Amino acid sequence: MSAYAGDPACRSLGIALEEVAAGRARLRMRVTGEMLNGHGIAHGGYLFLLADAAFAYACNSRGRAALAQSAQVTFVRPAEAGDELVAEAVERVRHGRHGVYDVTVRGRGGEVVAEFRGQSVSVSAGSLAGGRPT
């Protein structure tokens, strides 16, 4: 089963996996009315989720299971219902079990909506099935 086929969170939100290569990934999501917050703009949690998903595909692109160790996001400008967002993740450094990845989320006209940095840690594949990462 492909990683995307086993990713109900992304599939249920209409997040499309466009590209995965060694240390890189690109995903796309259209902001729907259900994703808006009380200000009428995209809820930051959805922007984080899109960026986090791109990060996940990038840090798992080399065949070894990896999980987020930490992540942060900076929201630069709002996204609105109907906006098509593209998240591009790029590996910055990988050393031993650890990696650092930057994700840029862009909206209309290529404007930056959010910047995300995630740190990953590689784990044994067996630890993902209900156990603790090793």
N, C-alpha and C. Protein backbone atom coordinates (compact mmCIF):
# COMPACT_ATOMS: atom_id res chain seq x y z
N MET A 1 0.85 -1.17 0.00
CA MET A 1 0.00 0.00 0.00
C MET A 1 0.90 1.24 0.00
N SER A 2 0.58 2.21 -0.84
CA SER A 2 1.36 3.43 -0.88
C SER A 2 1.12 4.24 0.39
N ALA A 3 2.06 5.11 0.71
CA ALA A 3 1.92 5.95 1.91
C ALA A 3 0.67 6.81 1.81
N TYR A 4 0.37 7.35 0.63
CA TYR A 4 -0.81 8.21 0.48
C TYR A 4 -2.10 7.40 0.66
N ALA A 5 -2.13 6.19 0.15
CA ALA A 5 -3.32 5.35 0.31
C ALA A 5 -3.59 5.07 1.78
N GLY A 6 -2.54 5.03 2.59
CA GLY A 6 -2.68 4.79 4.01
C GLY A 6 -2.74 6.06 4.84
N ASP A 7 -3.10 7.18 4.21
CA ASP A 7 -3.13 8.48 4.89
C ASP A 7 -4.54 9.06 4.87
N PRO A 8 -5.44 8.56 5.73
CA PRO A 8 -6.82 9.02 5.71
C PRO A 8 -6.97 10.50 6.05
N ALA A 9 -6.09 11.06 6.88
CA ALA A 9 -6.21 12.48 7.23
C ALA A 9 -6.07 13.34 5.98
N CYS A 10 -5.05 13.12 5.20
CA CYS A 10 -4.85 13.91 3.97
C CYS A 10 -5.96 13.66 2.96
N ARG A 11 -6.28 12.40 2.76
CA ARG A 11 -7.31 12.08 1.76
C ARG A 11 -8.66 12.69 2.14
N SER A 12 -9.03 12.66 3.42
CA SER A 12 -10.34 13.18 3.83
C SER A 12 -10.43 14.69 3.68
N LEU A 13 -9.31 15.37 3.71
CA LEU A 13 -9.30 16.83 3.55
C LEU A 13 -9.04 17.27 2.12
N GLY A 14 -8.90 16.30 1.21
CA GLY A 14 -8.65 16.64 -0.19
C GLY A 14 -7.23 17.10 -0.45
N ILE A 15 -6.31 16.77 0.44
CA ILE A 15 -4.91 17.13 0.23
C ILE A 15 -4.33 16.16 -0.79
N ALA A 16 -3.80 16.72 -1.87
CA ALA A 16 -3.26 15.90 -2.95
C ALA A 16 -1.74 15.85 -2.86
N LEU A 17 -1.20 14.66 -2.94
CA LEU A 17 0.24 14.46 -2.99
C LEU A 17 0.67 14.62 -4.44
N GLU A 18 1.46 15.65 -4.74
CA GLU A 18 1.87 15.91 -6.11
C GLU A 18 3.24 15.34 -6.45
N GLU A 19 4.14 15.35 -5.48
CA GLU A 19 5.50 14.90 -5.77
C GLU A 19 6.20 14.49 -4.50
N VAL A 20 6.97 13.41 -4.59
CA VAL A 20 7.88 13.01 -3.52
C VAL A 20 9.17 12.59 -4.19
N ALA A 21 10.27 13.12 -3.70
CA ALA A 21 11.61 12.74 -4.16
C ALA A 21 12.48 12.69 -2.90
N ALA A 22 13.70 12.25 -3.04
CA ALA A 22 14.59 12.13 -1.88
C ALA A 22 14.70 13.48 -1.16
N GLY A 23 14.17 13.53 0.07
CA GLY A 23 14.26 14.74 0.88
C GLY A 23 13.33 15.86 0.48
N ARG A 24 12.34 15.59 -0.36
CA ARG A 24 11.45 16.64 -0.86
C ARG A 24 10.03 16.10 -1.01
N ALA A 25 9.06 17.02 -0.92
CA ALA A 25 7.67 16.66 -1.19
C ALA A 25 6.88 17.93 -1.50
N ARG A 26 5.82 17.76 -2.31
CA ARG A 26 4.91 18.87 -2.63
C ARG A 26 3.48 18.35 -2.53
N LEU A 27 2.66 19.07 -1.75
CA LEU A 27 1.25 18.73 -1.57
C LEU A 27 0.40 19.95 -1.88
N ARG A 28 -0.87 19.71 -2.21
CA ARG A 28 -1.80 20.78 -2.57
C ARG A 28 -3.11 20.58 -1.82
N MET A 29 -3.71 21.71 -1.40
CA MET A 29 -4.99 21.66 -0.69
C MET A 29 -5.80 22.91 -1.03
N ARG A 30 -7.10 22.72 -1.28
CA ARG A 30 -8.01 23.85 -1.47
C ARG A 30 -8.68 24.14 -0.13
N VAL A 31 -8.67 25.41 0.27
CA VAL A 31 -9.32 25.83 1.52
C VAL A 31 -10.83 25.83 1.29
N THR A 32 -11.55 25.11 2.14
CA THR A 32 -13.01 25.06 2.05
C THR A 32 -13.62 25.93 3.15
N GLY A 33 -14.90 26.18 3.03
CA GLY A 33 -15.61 26.97 4.03
C GLY A 33 -15.56 26.35 5.41
N GLU A 34 -15.47 25.02 5.48
CA GLU A 34 -15.41 24.32 6.77
C GLU A 34 -14.06 24.50 7.45
N MET A 35 -13.07 25.02 6.73
CA MET A 35 -11.73 25.20 7.29
C MET A 35 -11.52 26.62 7.83
N LEU A 36 -12.56 27.45 7.81
CA LEU A 36 -12.41 28.83 8.25
C LEU A 36 -12.59 28.97 9.75
N ASN A 37 -11.92 29.96 10.31
CA ASN A 37 -12.07 30.25 11.74
C ASN A 37 -13.08 31.39 11.94
N GLY A 38 -13.20 31.90 13.14
CA GLY A 38 -14.15 32.96 13.45
C GLY A 38 -13.86 34.29 12.78
N HIS A 39 -12.67 34.43 12.21
CA HIS A 39 -12.32 35.65 11.48
C HIS A 39 -12.62 35.53 9.99
N GLY A 40 -13.10 34.35 9.58
CA GLY A 40 -13.41 34.14 8.17
C GLY A 40 -12.19 33.83 7.31
N ILE A 41 -11.08 33.43 7.95
CA ILE A 41 -9.87 33.03 7.22
C ILE A 41 -9.53 31.60 7.60
N ALA A 42 -8.63 30.99 6.83
CA ALA A 42 -8.26 29.60 7.09
C ALA A 42 -7.71 29.44 8.51
N HIS A 43 -8.23 28.48 9.23
CA HIS A 43 -7.76 28.16 10.58
C HIS A 43 -6.31 27.72 10.49
N GLY A 44 -5.48 28.23 11.38
CA GLY A 44 -4.07 27.90 11.37
C GLY A 44 -3.78 26.41 11.51
N GLY A 45 -4.68 25.69 12.16
CA GLY A 45 -4.48 24.25 12.31
C GLY A 45 -4.45 23.52 10.98
N TYR A 46 -5.26 23.99 10.02
CA TYR A 46 -5.27 23.37 8.69
C TYR A 46 -4.00 23.71 7.93
N LEU A 47 -3.50 24.94 8.09
CA LEU A 47 -2.25 25.32 7.44
C LEU A 47 -1.10 24.50 8.01
N PHE A 48 -1.11 24.33 9.35
CA PHE A 48 -0.08 23.52 10.00
C PHE A 48 -0.16 22.08 9.50
N LEU A 49 -1.38 21.54 9.41
CA LEU A 49 -1.55 20.16 8.97
C LEU A 49 -1.01 19.96 7.56
N LEU A 50 -1.30 20.89 6.66
CA LEU A 50 -0.79 20.79 5.28
C LEU A 50 0.74 20.79 5.28
N ALA A 51 1.34 21.73 6.00
CA ALA A 51 2.80 21.81 6.06
C ALA A 51 3.39 20.57 6.73
N ASP A 52 2.76 20.11 7.80
CA ASP A 52 3.23 18.93 8.51
C ASP A 52 3.17 17.68 7.63
N ALA A 53 2.14 17.60 6.81
CA ALA A 53 2.02 16.45 5.90
C ALA A 53 3.15 16.48 4.86
N ALA A 54 3.45 17.65 4.31
CA ALA A 54 4.56 17.75 3.35
C ALA A 54 5.87 17.36 4.03
N PHE A 55 6.07 17.85 5.25
CA PHE A 55 7.24 17.47 6.05
C PHE A 55 7.31 15.96 6.23
N ALA A 56 6.19 15.34 6.56
CA ALA A 56 6.16 13.90 6.79
C ALA A 56 6.56 13.12 5.55
N TYR A 57 6.02 13.51 4.40
CA TYR A 57 6.38 12.79 3.17
C TYR A 57 7.85 13.00 2.82
N ALA A 58 8.37 14.21 3.05
CA ALA A 58 9.78 14.47 2.74
C ALA A 58 10.71 13.68 3.67
N CYS A 59 10.41 13.66 4.97
CA CYS A 59 11.33 12.99 5.89
C CYS A 59 11.20 11.47 5.85
N ASN A 60 10.14 10.95 5.23
CA ASN A 60 9.99 9.51 5.04
C ASN A 60 10.34 9.08 3.62
N SER A 61 10.86 9.97 2.81
CA SER A 61 11.09 9.70 1.38
C SER A 61 12.30 8.82 1.11
N ARG A 62 13.13 8.59 2.09
CA ARG A 62 14.35 7.81 1.87
C ARG A 62 14.21 6.35 2.31
N GLY A 63 12.98 5.96 2.69
CA GLY A 63 12.73 4.56 2.99
C GLY A 63 12.84 4.17 4.45
N ARG A 64 13.30 5.05 5.29
CA ARG A 64 13.37 4.74 6.72
C ARG A 64 12.26 5.50 7.43
N ALA A 65 11.54 4.83 8.30
CA ALA A 65 10.43 5.46 9.02
C ALA A 65 10.94 6.60 9.88
N ALA A 66 10.26 7.75 9.79
CA ALA A 66 10.64 8.93 10.57
C ALA A 66 9.39 9.58 11.12
N LEU A 67 9.51 10.17 12.30
CA LEU A 67 8.42 10.88 12.96
C LEU A 67 8.87 12.30 13.27
N ALA A 68 7.90 13.18 13.46
CA ALA A 68 8.21 14.54 13.89
C ALA A 68 8.71 14.49 15.33
N GLN A 69 9.79 15.19 15.57
CA GLN A 69 10.30 15.35 16.93
C GLN A 69 9.84 16.70 17.47
N SER A 70 9.81 17.69 16.59
CA SER A 70 9.27 19.00 16.94
C SER A 70 8.99 19.76 15.65
N ALA A 71 8.15 20.79 15.76
CA ALA A 71 7.83 21.60 14.59
C ALA A 71 7.30 22.95 15.05
N GLN A 72 7.49 23.94 14.21
CA GLN A 72 6.92 25.26 14.48
C GLN A 72 6.49 25.86 13.15
N VAL A 73 5.54 26.76 13.23
CA VAL A 73 5.04 27.41 12.03
C VAL A 73 4.95 28.91 12.28
N THR A 74 5.22 29.67 11.25
CA THR A 74 5.02 31.11 11.27
C THR A 74 3.98 31.44 10.21
N PHE A 75 2.87 32.03 10.63
CA PHE A 75 1.81 32.41 9.70
C PHE A 75 2.14 33.80 9.17
N VAL A 76 2.24 33.92 7.85
CA VAL A 76 2.68 35.16 7.23
C VAL A 76 1.51 36.00 6.74
N ARG A 77 0.55 35.35 6.08
CA ARG A 77 -0.64 36.06 5.61
C ARG A 77 -1.80 35.09 5.60
N PRO A 78 -3.02 35.61 5.64
CA PRO A 78 -4.19 34.73 5.71
C PRO A 78 -4.50 34.07 4.36
N ALA A 79 -5.14 32.92 4.46
CA ALA A 79 -5.70 32.24 3.29
C ALA A 79 -7.21 32.26 3.45
N GLU A 80 -7.92 32.26 2.33
CA GLU A 80 -9.38 32.36 2.36
C GLU A 80 -10.01 31.16 1.68
N ALA A 81 -11.31 31.00 1.89
CA ALA A 81 -12.04 29.91 1.24
C ALA A 81 -11.84 30.01 -0.26
N GLY A 82 -11.58 28.88 -0.87
CA GLY A 82 -11.35 28.81 -2.31
C GLY A 82 -9.88 28.90 -2.71
N ASP A 83 -9.03 29.38 -1.79
CA ASP A 83 -7.60 29.46 -2.12
C ASP A 83 -7.01 28.07 -2.29
N GLU A 84 -6.17 27.93 -3.28
CA GLU A 84 -5.42 26.70 -3.53
C GLU A 84 -4.05 26.90 -2.90
N LEU A 85 -3.71 26.08 -1.93
CA LEU A 85 -2.43 26.19 -1.24
C LEU A 85 -1.50 25.07 -1.66
N VAL A 86 -0.23 25.40 -1.80
CA VAL A 86 0.79 24.42 -2.16
C VAL A 86 1.87 24.46 -1.08
N ALA A 87 2.17 23.30 -0.53
CA ALA A 87 3.23 23.17 0.48
C ALA A 87 4.39 22.41 -0.13
N GLU A 88 5.57 23.02 -0.08
CA GLU A 88 6.78 22.38 -0.60
C GLU A 88 7.76 22.20 0.54
N ALA A 89 8.14 20.95 0.77
CA ALA A 89 9.07 20.60 1.84
C ALA A 89 10.43 20.27 1.25
N VAL A 90 11.48 20.74 1.94
CA VAL A 90 12.85 20.50 1.50
C VAL A 90 13.70 20.11 2.70
N GLU A 91 14.45 19.05 2.53
CA GLU A 91 15.38 18.62 3.57
C GLU A 91 16.54 19.61 3.65
N ARG A 92 16.83 20.10 4.84
CA ARG A 92 17.96 21.02 5.02
C ARG A 92 19.20 20.28 5.49
N VAL A 93 19.01 19.34 6.41
CA VAL A 93 20.15 18.56 6.90
C VAL A 93 19.61 17.25 7.46
N ARG A 94 20.42 16.21 7.29
CA ARG A 94 20.12 14.92 7.90
C ARG A 94 21.42 14.40 8.47
N HIS A 95 21.38 14.02 9.74
CA HIS A 95 22.57 13.52 10.40
C HIS A 95 22.15 12.39 11.34
N GLY A 96 22.66 11.20 11.09
CA GLY A 96 22.27 10.06 11.91
C GLY A 96 20.77 9.85 11.82
N ARG A 97 20.12 9.81 12.96
CA ARG A 97 18.66 9.59 12.99
C ARG A 97 17.86 10.88 12.87
N HIS A 98 18.51 12.03 12.79
CA HIS A 98 17.81 13.32 12.87
C HIS A 98 17.85 14.08 11.55
N GLY A 99 16.79 14.83 11.30
CA GLY A 99 16.72 15.66 10.10
C GLY A 99 16.01 16.96 10.39
N VAL A 100 16.32 17.96 9.57
CA VAL A 100 15.67 19.26 9.65
C VAL A 100 15.09 19.56 8.28
N TYR A 101 13.81 19.97 8.26
CA TYR A 101 13.08 20.20 7.01
C TYR A 101 12.37 21.55 7.07
N ASP A 102 12.43 22.28 5.98
CA ASP A 102 11.68 23.53 5.85
C ASP A 102 10.56 23.34 4.86
N VAL A 103 9.40 23.90 5.19
CA VAL A 103 8.22 23.82 4.32
C VAL A 103 7.71 25.24 4.10
N THR A 104 7.50 25.58 2.85
CA THR A 104 6.87 26.85 2.50
C THR A 104 5.49 26.56 1.97
N VAL A 105 4.49 27.23 2.52
CA VAL A 105 3.11 27.12 2.04
C VAL A 105 2.82 28.40 1.26
N ARG A 106 2.43 28.22 0.01
CA ARG A 106 2.13 29.36 -0.86
C ARG A 106 0.67 29.34 -1.27
N GLY A 107 0.14 30.54 -1.49
CA GLY A 107 -1.25 30.69 -1.91
C GLY A 107 -1.32 31.40 -3.24
N ARG A 108 -2.34 32.24 -3.38
CA ARG A 108 -2.58 32.98 -4.62
C ARG A 108 -1.33 33.69 -5.12
N GLY A 109 -1.05 33.54 -6.40
CA GLY A 109 0.08 34.23 -7.01
C GLY A 109 1.43 33.84 -6.44
N GLY A 110 1.50 32.72 -5.75
CA GLY A 110 2.76 32.28 -5.18
C GLY A 110 3.15 32.99 -3.90
N GLU A 111 2.23 33.78 -3.33
CA GLU A 111 2.54 34.49 -2.09
C GLU A 111 2.71 33.51 -0.93
N VAL A 112 3.70 33.78 -0.10
CA VAL A 112 3.95 32.92 1.05
C VAL A 112 2.85 33.14 2.09
N VAL A 113 2.22 32.05 2.47
CA VAL A 113 1.17 32.06 3.50
C VAL A 113 1.76 31.65 4.85
N ALA A 114 2.67 30.67 4.85
CA ALA A 114 3.27 30.19 6.09
C ALA A 114 4.63 29.58 5.83
N GLU A 115 5.48 29.65 6.85
CA GLU A 115 6.78 28.97 6.84
C GLU A 115 6.79 28.02 8.03
N PHE A 116 7.27 26.82 7.80
CA PHE A 116 7.24 25.74 8.79
C PHE A 116 8.63 25.13 8.85
N ARG A 117 9.08 24.81 10.05
CA ARG A 117 10.33 24.05 10.20
C ARG A 117 10.04 22.86 11.09
N GLY A 118 10.42 21.69 10.62
CA GLY A 118 10.20 20.47 11.38
C GLY A 118 11.50 19.71 11.59
N GLN A 119 11.61 19.09 12.75
CA GLN A 119 12.75 18.23 13.05
C GLN A 119 12.23 16.81 13.16
N SER A 120 12.90 15.90 12.47
CA SER A 120 12.47 14.51 12.46
C SER A 120 13.46 13.62 13.19
N VAL A 121 12.97 12.46 13.56
CA VAL A 121 13.82 11.42 14.13
C VAL A 121 13.41 10.10 13.49
N SER A 122 14.40 9.36 13.01
CA SER A 122 14.13 8.05 12.42
C SER A 122 13.87 7.04 13.51
N VAL A 123 12.95 6.13 13.23
CA VAL A 123 12.57 5.10 14.20
C VAL A 123 12.54 3.75 13.50
N SER A 124 12.51 2.69 14.29
CA SER A 124 12.37 1.38 13.69
C SER A 124 10.92 1.22 13.23
N ALA A 125 10.72 0.57 12.11
CA ALA A 125 9.37 0.40 11.55
C ALA A 125 8.46 -0.34 12.52
N GLY A 126 8.98 -1.28 13.27
CA GLY A 126 8.18 -2.04 14.22
C GLY A 126 7.62 -1.21 15.35
N SER A 127 8.28 -0.10 15.66
CA SER A 127 7.82 0.73 16.77
C SER A 127 6.61 1.57 16.39
N LEU A 128 6.22 1.61 15.13
CA LEU A 128 5.10 2.42 14.70
C LEU A 128 3.75 1.75 14.92
N ALA A 129 3.74 0.46 15.13
CA ALA A 129 2.48 -0.28 15.27
C ALA A 129 2.06 -0.35 16.73
N GLY A 130 1.74 0.79 17.33
CA GLY A 130 1.22 0.82 18.67
C GLY A 130 2.27 0.85 19.77
N GLY A 131 3.53 0.74 19.41
CA GLY A 131 4.57 0.78 20.42
C GLY A 131 5.20 2.15 20.52
N ARG A 132 6.22 2.24 21.29
CA ARG A 132 6.95 3.50 21.41
C ARG A 132 8.08 3.53 20.41
N PRO A 133 8.37 4.71 19.82
CA PRO A 133 9.52 4.80 18.90
C PRO A 133 10.81 4.39 19.59
N THR A 134 11.67 3.72 18.82
CA THR A 134 12.97 3.31 19.38
C THR A 134 14.09 3.95 18.61
